[in-house]
Amino acid sequence: MTTIEPIRRSRLYQGIVEQIQALLEKGELRAGDQLPAERQLAEQFQVSRASVREALRSLELLGIVETRAGGGTFVRRVSPDDLAKPLHSLIARGHTVSDVIEFRGVVEPAIAALAAARITPAQLAELRELLNAQERRVAANQSYVEEDTRFHEVI
């Protein structure tokens, strides 16, 4: 993990989450890899261990890593269903819209970057058509939930 930079944000754990996601996108971390110990991550990111723990909890809730008692934290294989579970959980537990937006702000840029790198011409054409369909429905003051759901499934 040679590309870690100090975090300078009010919500430090988000910066840690974003950098670990970036390492996954670049292929510097892969499914099955063990992350360094909390203390080492705190030193590398130049943050407290509490911030590292919060980031690791977030990554675990996202299904990106798993912590094994006494064994460390490992990168998991991520399925689309794993990514949707934490969002559903936030909503089910009565979190505010602001909480959901914050969660999406951490997760969606990484998903979009990965999708952009892997998209096929057929998927791109389908996304364009879905966006056009959404625009038509908005102009007609109609619901576009089905198109939006399919859009996110394609991504």
Protein backbone atom coordinates (compact mmCIF):
# COMPACT_ATOMS: atom_id res chain seq x y z
CA MET A 1 0.00 0.00 0.00
CA THR A 2 2.32 2.69 -1.27
CA THR A 3 -0.19 5.36 -2.28
CA ILE A 4 -1.66 6.28 1.12
CA GLU A 5 -1.79 9.99 1.87
CA PRO A 6 -2.52 11.85 5.11
CA ILE A 7 -6.21 12.67 5.54
CA ARG A 8 -7.25 16.30 5.96
CA ARG A 9 -11.03 16.34 6.38
CA SER A 10 -13.59 16.99 9.07
CA ARG A 11 -14.88 13.41 8.73
CA LEU A 12 -11.60 11.60 8.61
CA TYR A 13 -13.06 8.12 8.31
CA GLN A 14 -14.62 9.06 4.94
CA GLY A 15 -11.21 9.91 3.56
CA ILE A 16 -9.85 6.57 4.73
CA VAL A 17 -12.81 4.73 3.16
CA GLU A 18 -12.31 6.61 -0.12
CA GLN A 19 -8.58 5.84 -0.25
CA ILE A 20 -9.10 2.15 0.46
CA GLN A 21 -11.79 2.06 -2.24
CA ALA A 22 -9.36 3.76 -4.63
CA LEU A 23 -6.72 1.12 -3.85
CA LEU A 24 -9.30 -1.54 -4.72
CA GLU A 25 -10.18 0.21 -7.99
CA LYS A 26 -6.51 0.42 -8.98
CA GLY A 27 -6.00 -3.24 -8.16
CA GLU A 28 -3.47 -2.46 -5.41
CA LEU A 29 -5.81 -4.30 -3.03
CA ARG A 30 -7.67 -7.44 -4.09
CA ALA A 31 -10.20 -9.83 -2.62
CA GLY A 32 -8.48 -11.92 0.03
CA ASP A 33 -5.77 -9.36 0.84
CA GLN A 34 -5.22 -8.56 4.50
CA LEU A 35 -5.19 -4.90 5.50
CA PRO A 36 -2.44 -3.68 7.81
CA ALA A 37 -3.19 -3.57 11.55
CA GLU A 38 -5.18 -0.60 12.92
CA ARG A 39 -2.09 0.95 14.47
CA GLN A 40 -0.17 0.78 11.18
CA LEU A 41 -3.10 2.22 9.20
CA ALA A 42 -3.41 5.07 11.72
CA GLU A 43 0.28 5.88 11.25
CA GLN A 44 0.06 5.70 7.44
CA PHE A 45 -3.07 7.87 7.24
CA GLN A 46 -1.81 10.12 10.06
CA VAL A 47 -5.10 9.83 11.96
CA SER A 48 -6.23 8.35 15.27
CA ARG A 49 -6.97 4.66 15.68
CA ALA A 50 -10.59 5.66 16.40
CA SER A 51 -10.86 7.13 12.88
CA VAL A 52 -9.38 3.95 11.41
CA ARG A 53 -11.83 1.81 13.42
CA GLU A 54 -14.75 3.93 12.18
CA ALA A 55 -13.55 3.57 8.58
CA LEU A 56 -13.14 -0.19 8.95
CA ARG A 57 -16.66 -0.45 10.42
CA SER A 58 -17.99 1.51 7.44
CA LEU A 59 -16.14 -0.73 5.00
CA GLU A 60 -17.45 -3.78 6.83
CA LEU A 61 -21.03 -2.45 6.67
CA LEU A 62 -20.52 -1.94 2.95
CA GLY A 63 -19.42 -5.55 2.66
CA ILE A 64 -16.00 -4.54 1.33
CA VAL A 65 -13.96 -5.98 4.20
CA GLU A 66 -14.48 -8.55 6.91
CA THR A 67 -12.83 -8.57 10.30
CA ARG A 68 -11.89 -11.96 11.68
CA ALA A 69 -11.55 -12.17 15.46
CA GLY A 70 -7.84 -12.31 16.21
CA GLY A 71 -7.04 -12.67 12.52
CA GLY A 72 -7.18 -9.17 11.07
CA THR A 73 -9.22 -7.40 8.40
CA PHE A 74 -9.49 -8.84 4.90
CA VAL A 75 -10.87 -7.58 1.58
CA ARG A 76 -14.03 -9.46 0.57
CA ARG A 77 -15.45 -10.18 -2.83
CA VAL A 78 -18.24 -7.63 -3.29
CA SER A 79 -21.52 -8.42 -4.99
CA PRO A 80 -24.15 -5.84 -6.01
CA ASP A 81 -26.44 -7.19 -3.28
CA ASP A 82 -23.76 -6.51 -0.66
CA LEU A 83 -23.69 -2.84 -1.68
CA ALA A 84 -27.45 -2.40 -1.35
CA LYS A 85 -27.79 -3.98 2.11
CA PRO A 86 -26.30 -1.10 4.16
CA LEU A 87 -28.51 1.45 2.41
CA HIS A 88 -31.62 -0.60 3.16
CA SER A 89 -30.43 -1.00 6.75
CA LEU A 90 -29.99 2.76 7.19
CA ILE A 91 -33.51 3.39 5.95
CA ALA A 92 -35.01 0.57 8.02
CA ARG A 93 -33.40 1.90 11.20
CA GLY A 94 -34.91 5.34 10.66
CA HIS A 95 -31.81 7.28 9.70
CA THR A 96 -32.37 10.70 8.23
CA VAL A 97 -32.26 11.60 4.56
CA SER A 98 -29.03 13.44 5.36
CA ASP A 99 -27.49 10.18 6.65
CA VAL A 100 -28.48 8.35 3.48
CA ILE A 101 -27.09 11.14 1.28
CA GLU A 102 -23.82 11.07 3.24
CA PHE A 103 -23.60 7.29 2.81
CA ARG A 104 -24.25 7.56 -0.92
CA GLY A 105 -21.64 10.31 -1.20
CA VAL A 106 -18.99 7.94 0.12
CA VAL A 107 -20.03 4.87 -1.88
CA GLU A 108 -21.38 6.01 -5.23
CA PRO A 109 -18.26 7.74 -6.63
CA ALA A 110 -16.29 4.51 -6.26
CA ILE A 111 -19.07 2.49 -7.87
CA ALA A 112 -19.36 4.97 -10.75
CA ALA A 113 -15.60 4.93 -11.37
CA LEU A 114 -15.55 1.15 -11.44
CA ALA A 115 -18.58 1.05 -13.75
CA ALA A 116 -17.00 3.58 -16.12
CA ALA A 117 -13.86 1.47 -16.36
CA ARG A 118 -15.79 -1.73 -17.12
CA ILE A 119 -18.83 -0.61 -19.11
CA THR A 120 -19.61 -2.32 -22.41
CA PRO A 121 -21.02 -0.49 -25.46
CA ALA A 122 -24.36 -2.29 -24.95
CA GLN A 123 -24.54 -1.20 -21.32
CA LEU A 124 -23.68 2.37 -22.26
CA ALA A 125 -26.46 2.40 -24.86
CA GLU A 126 -28.91 1.04 -22.28
CA LEU A 127 -27.90 3.71 -19.76
CA ARG A 128 -28.45 6.44 -22.38
CA GLU A 129 -31.90 5.07 -23.20
CA LEU A 130 -32.80 4.85 -19.52
CA LEU A 131 -31.74 8.47 -18.96
CA ASN A 132 -33.79 9.56 -21.98
CA ALA A 133 -36.79 7.64 -20.63
CA GLN A 134 -36.37 9.31 -17.24
CA GLU A 135 -36.24 12.75 -18.88
CA ARG A 136 -39.44 12.01 -20.81
CA ARG A 137 -41.21 10.90 -17.63
CA VAL A 138 -40.04 13.97 -15.70
CA ALA A 139 -41.27 16.23 -18.52
CA ALA A 140 -44.64 14.44 -18.38
CA ASN A 141 -44.70 14.73 -14.56
CA GLN A 142 -44.70 10.93 -14.23
CA SER A 143 -42.83 8.59 -11.90
CA TYR A 144 -39.53 7.21 -13.22
CA VAL A 145 -38.78 4.76 -10.41
CA GLU A 146 -38.58 1.73 -12.71
CA GLU A 147 -36.14 3.43 -15.09
CA ASP A 148 -34.03 4.73 -12.19
CA THR A 149 -33.91 1.29 -10.57
CA ARG A 150 -32.84 -0.32 -13.85
CA PHE A 151 -30.24 2.44 -14.38
CA HIS A 152 -28.61 1.59 -11.05
CA GLU A 153 -28.80 -2.14 -11.75
CA VAL A 154 -26.89 -1.65 -15.01
CA ILE A 155 -24.20 0.36 -13.23
